[in-house]
C-alpha cells in the first residue's frame, strides 16, 4: 500500500473533495491539518516546492499537487497505480 499524506484546512472544499476521493478508494492516509499553524504551513510549502495552496498531496513522498491534480490522475487511470490499489 502506498504512503499517502495530505495537508489540509478543515473547512477547505478542495481538501474535503480530495479526501472524499481517497476515502472512496479505501486507502488510509495521514492528514496534516495546518489551520492557523504558520510553522506547519511553511514546512508544507517547502516540501511542496513552493506551492502554498491546500490541499497538498504526497504519495510515497512525491508531491503530486492538489485536488485538481489528484482528480486528473483518477481520470487518466493513473491514481490506482500510484496508490497500489487492487480491484
N, C-alpha and C. Protein backbone atom coordinates (compact mmCIF):
# COMPACT_ATOMS: atom_id res chain seq x y z
N UNK A 1 0.84 -1.18 0.00
CA UNK A 1 0.00 0.00 0.00
C UNK A 1 0.89 1.24 0.00
N UNK A 2 0.48 2.24 -0.72
CA UNK A 2 1.24 3.47 -0.83
C UNK A 2 1.14 4.29 0.45
N UNK A 3 2.18 5.07 0.70
CA UNK A 3 2.16 6.03 1.81
C UNK A 3 1.55 7.32 1.27
N UNK A 4 0.46 7.77 1.88
CA UNK A 4 -0.25 8.94 1.41
C UNK A 4 -0.33 9.96 2.54
N UNK A 5 0.04 11.20 2.21
CA UNK A 5 -0.09 12.31 3.15
C UNK A 5 -0.82 13.44 2.46
N UNK A 6 -1.65 14.15 3.23
CA UNK A 6 -2.39 15.26 2.68
C UNK A 6 -2.40 16.40 3.70
N UNK A 7 -1.98 17.57 3.25
CA UNK A 7 -2.01 18.78 4.07
C UNK A 7 -3.33 19.49 3.78
N UNK A 8 -4.06 19.83 4.84
CA UNK A 8 -5.40 20.36 4.67
C UNK A 8 -5.69 21.52 5.61
N UNK A 9 -6.78 22.21 5.29
CA UNK A 9 -7.52 23.06 6.21
C UNK A 9 -8.84 22.34 6.42
N UNK A 10 -9.35 22.35 7.60
CA UNK A 10 -10.54 21.56 7.93
C UNK A 10 -11.78 21.94 7.12
N UNK A 11 -11.95 23.22 6.76
CA UNK A 11 -13.16 23.65 6.05
C UNK A 11 -12.93 23.91 4.56
N UNK A 12 -11.78 23.57 4.05
CA UNK A 12 -11.45 23.81 2.64
C UNK A 12 -12.23 22.82 1.75
N UNK A 13 -13.06 23.34 0.83
CA UNK A 13 -13.84 22.43 -0.02
C UNK A 13 -12.98 21.55 -0.92
N UNK A 14 -11.84 22.05 -1.36
CA UNK A 14 -10.95 21.24 -2.20
C UNK A 14 -10.30 20.12 -1.39
N UNK A 15 -9.99 20.42 -0.12
CA UNK A 15 -9.44 19.39 0.78
C UNK A 15 -10.48 18.30 1.02
N UNK A 16 -11.70 18.71 1.28
CA UNK A 16 -12.77 17.75 1.51
C UNK A 16 -13.00 16.88 0.27
N UNK A 17 -12.95 17.49 -0.90
CA UNK A 17 -13.15 16.74 -2.15
C UNK A 17 -12.01 15.74 -2.38
N UNK A 18 -10.77 16.17 -2.12
CA UNK A 18 -9.62 15.26 -2.29
C UNK A 18 -9.70 14.09 -1.31
N UNK A 19 -10.04 14.38 -0.05
CA UNK A 19 -10.17 13.31 0.93
C UNK A 19 -11.30 12.36 0.57
N UNK A 20 -12.39 12.89 0.03
CA UNK A 20 -13.51 12.03 -0.38
C UNK A 20 -13.07 11.05 -1.46
N UNK A 21 -12.26 11.52 -2.40
CA UNK A 21 -11.77 10.61 -3.45
C UNK A 21 -10.87 9.54 -2.84
N UNK A 22 -9.97 9.94 -1.97
CA UNK A 22 -9.10 8.96 -1.32
C UNK A 22 -9.91 7.98 -0.49
N UNK A 23 -10.92 8.49 0.23
CA UNK A 23 -11.79 7.61 1.01
C UNK A 23 -12.52 6.61 0.12
N UNK A 24 -12.96 7.07 -1.06
CA UNK A 24 -13.68 6.17 -1.98
C UNK A 24 -12.78 5.05 -2.50
N UNK A 25 -11.47 5.28 -2.45
CA UNK A 25 -10.51 4.26 -2.88
C UNK A 25 -10.22 3.26 -1.76
N UNK A 26 -10.66 3.59 -0.55
CA UNK A 26 -10.43 2.70 0.58
C UNK A 26 -9.00 2.70 1.08
N UNK A 27 -8.27 3.77 0.81
CA UNK A 27 -6.88 3.85 1.26
C UNK A 27 -6.79 4.68 2.52
N UNK A 28 -5.80 4.40 3.31
CA UNK A 28 -5.56 5.21 4.50
C UNK A 28 -4.54 6.27 4.16
N UNK A 29 -4.64 7.38 4.85
CA UNK A 29 -3.72 8.49 4.62
C UNK A 29 -3.49 9.23 5.91
N UNK A 30 -2.37 9.91 5.97
CA UNK A 30 -2.05 10.74 7.12
C UNK A 30 -2.43 12.17 6.77
N UNK A 31 -3.31 12.74 7.57
CA UNK A 31 -3.75 14.11 7.32
C UNK A 31 -3.00 15.06 8.25
N UNK A 32 -2.47 16.13 7.66
CA UNK A 32 -1.83 17.18 8.42
C UNK A 32 -2.73 18.41 8.32
N UNK A 33 -3.54 18.64 9.35
CA UNK A 33 -4.42 19.80 9.37
C UNK A 33 -3.59 21.00 9.82
N UNK A 34 -3.41 21.96 8.93
CA UNK A 34 -2.50 23.07 9.22
C UNK A 34 -3.24 24.39 9.45
N UNK A 35 -4.52 24.33 9.76
CA UNK A 35 -5.31 25.55 10.02
C UNK A 35 -4.61 26.40 11.08
N UNK A 36 -4.30 27.64 10.73
CA UNK A 36 -3.75 28.58 11.69
C UNK A 36 -2.35 28.27 12.19
N UNK A 37 -1.68 27.30 11.60
CA UNK A 37 -0.34 26.91 12.05
C UNK A 37 0.68 27.36 11.01
N UNK A 38 1.23 28.55 11.21
CA UNK A 38 2.13 29.12 10.20
C UNK A 38 3.42 28.31 10.04
N UNK A 39 3.87 27.69 11.10
CA UNK A 39 5.09 26.87 11.02
C UNK A 39 4.83 25.63 10.17
N UNK A 40 3.69 24.97 10.41
CA UNK A 40 3.34 23.79 9.61
C UNK A 40 3.10 24.17 8.15
N UNK A 41 2.50 25.33 7.93
CA UNK A 41 2.27 25.78 6.55
C UNK A 41 3.58 26.04 5.84
N UNK A 42 4.54 26.64 6.53
CA UNK A 42 5.85 26.87 5.94
C UNK A 42 6.53 25.55 5.60
N UNK A 43 6.43 24.57 6.50
CA UNK A 43 7.02 23.25 6.24
C UNK A 43 6.37 22.61 5.02
N UNK A 44 5.03 22.73 4.91
CA UNK A 44 4.33 22.19 3.74
C UNK A 44 4.81 22.88 2.47
N UNK A 45 4.92 24.20 2.52
CA UNK A 45 5.33 24.97 1.35
C UNK A 45 6.73 24.56 0.88
N UNK A 46 7.62 24.39 1.82
CA UNK A 46 8.98 23.94 1.47
C UNK A 46 8.95 22.55 0.85
N UNK A 47 8.19 21.68 1.45
CA UNK A 47 8.10 20.30 0.96
C UNK A 47 7.45 20.25 -0.42
N UNK A 48 6.50 21.18 -0.68
CA UNK A 48 5.73 21.20 -1.93
C UNK A 48 6.37 22.11 -2.98
N UNK A 49 7.67 22.31 -2.87
CA UNK A 49 8.42 23.11 -3.86
C UNK A 49 7.81 24.50 -4.08
N UNK A 50 7.40 25.13 -2.97
CA UNK A 50 6.91 26.50 -3.03
C UNK A 50 5.41 26.65 -3.19
N UNK A 51 4.70 25.56 -3.44
CA UNK A 51 3.24 25.67 -3.55
C UNK A 51 2.65 25.96 -2.18
N UNK A 52 1.71 26.91 -2.13
CA UNK A 52 1.17 27.35 -0.85
C UNK A 52 -0.30 26.98 -0.67
N UNK A 53 -0.94 26.47 -1.70
CA UNK A 53 -2.37 26.16 -1.61
C UNK A 53 -2.59 24.79 -0.97
N UNK A 54 -3.76 24.64 -0.39
CA UNK A 54 -4.16 23.34 0.15
C UNK A 54 -5.32 22.81 -0.67
N UNK A 55 -5.41 21.51 -0.79
CA UNK A 55 -4.54 20.53 -0.18
C UNK A 55 -3.23 20.39 -0.97
N UNK A 56 -2.24 19.88 -0.31
CA UNK A 56 -1.03 19.39 -0.96
C UNK A 56 -0.95 17.92 -0.62
N UNK A 57 -0.80 17.11 -1.67
CA UNK A 57 -0.89 15.65 -1.52
C UNK A 57 0.43 15.03 -1.93
N UNK A 58 0.88 14.09 -1.09
CA UNK A 58 2.13 13.37 -1.34
C UNK A 58 1.82 11.88 -1.35
N UNK A 59 2.29 11.20 -2.39
CA UNK A 59 2.15 9.76 -2.49
C UNK A 59 3.55 9.18 -2.55
N UNK A 60 3.88 8.35 -1.58
CA UNK A 60 5.23 7.80 -1.44
C UNK A 60 6.27 8.91 -1.46
N UNK A 61 6.00 9.97 -0.70
CA UNK A 61 6.88 11.12 -0.51
C UNK A 61 7.07 11.99 -1.75
N UNK A 62 6.31 11.74 -2.80
CA UNK A 62 6.38 12.56 -4.01
C UNK A 62 5.16 13.47 -4.06
N UNK A 63 5.40 14.77 -4.18
CA UNK A 63 4.30 15.72 -4.27
C UNK A 63 3.59 15.58 -5.60
N UNK A 64 2.28 15.39 -5.55
CA UNK A 64 1.51 15.28 -6.79
C UNK A 64 0.67 16.52 -7.05
N UNK A 65 0.67 17.46 -6.08
CA UNK A 65 -0.11 18.67 -6.24
C UNK A 65 -1.33 18.65 -5.35
N UNK A 66 -2.42 19.24 -5.86
CA UNK A 66 -3.62 19.39 -5.06
C UNK A 66 -4.79 18.57 -5.56
N UNK A 67 -5.97 19.05 -5.26
CA UNK A 67 -7.21 18.35 -5.60
C UNK A 67 -7.36 18.15 -7.11
N UNK A 68 -7.11 19.21 -7.88
CA UNK A 68 -7.26 19.09 -9.34
C UNK A 68 -6.32 18.03 -9.91
N UNK A 69 -5.09 18.02 -9.44
CA UNK A 69 -4.13 17.03 -9.93
C UNK A 69 -4.52 15.62 -9.51
N UNK A 70 -5.03 15.48 -8.29
CA UNK A 70 -5.48 14.16 -7.82
C UNK A 70 -6.61 13.64 -8.70
N UNK A 71 -7.58 14.49 -9.01
CA UNK A 71 -8.70 14.07 -9.85
C UNK A 71 -8.26 13.82 -11.29
N UNK A 72 -7.26 14.56 -11.78
CA UNK A 72 -6.72 14.31 -13.12
C UNK A 72 -6.07 12.93 -13.17
N UNK A 73 -5.36 12.56 -12.11
CA UNK A 73 -4.77 11.22 -12.06
C UNK A 73 -5.86 10.15 -12.06
N UNK A 74 -6.96 10.42 -11.39
CA UNK A 74 -8.08 9.47 -11.38
C UNK A 74 -8.68 9.33 -12.78
N UNK A 75 -8.89 10.45 -13.47
CA UNK A 75 -9.47 10.39 -14.82
C UNK A 75 -8.56 9.67 -15.81
N UNK A 76 -7.25 9.80 -15.62
CA UNK A 76 -6.30 9.16 -16.53
C UNK A 76 -6.00 7.71 -16.14
N UNK A 77 -6.65 7.24 -15.08
CA UNK A 77 -6.48 5.86 -14.58
C UNK A 77 -5.11 5.62 -13.95
N UNK A 78 -4.36 6.68 -13.66
CA UNK A 78 -3.04 6.54 -13.05
C UNK A 78 -3.08 6.49 -11.53
N UNK A 79 -4.17 7.00 -10.95
CA UNK A 79 -4.22 7.08 -9.49
C UNK A 79 -4.16 5.70 -8.84
N UNK A 80 -4.92 4.74 -9.33
CA UNK A 80 -4.90 3.40 -8.73
C UNK A 80 -3.49 2.80 -8.78
N UNK A 81 -2.76 3.08 -9.84
CA UNK A 81 -1.38 2.56 -9.93
C UNK A 81 -0.51 3.19 -8.86
N UNK A 82 -0.60 4.52 -8.72
CA UNK A 82 0.19 5.21 -7.70
C UNK A 82 -0.18 4.75 -6.29
N UNK A 83 -1.47 4.54 -6.07
CA UNK A 83 -1.94 4.14 -4.75
C UNK A 83 -1.74 2.66 -4.48
N UNK A 84 -1.39 1.91 -5.53
CA UNK A 84 -1.23 0.46 -5.43
C UNK A 84 -2.54 -0.19 -4.98
N UNK A 85 -3.63 0.28 -5.60
CA UNK A 85 -4.95 -0.23 -5.30
C UNK A 85 -5.27 -1.39 -6.25
N UNK A 86 -5.70 -2.49 -5.67
CA UNK A 86 -6.08 -3.67 -6.47
C UNK A 86 -7.59 -3.75 -6.52
N UNK A 87 -8.12 -3.98 -7.71
CA UNK A 87 -9.59 -4.12 -7.86
C UNK A 87 -9.96 -5.55 -8.15
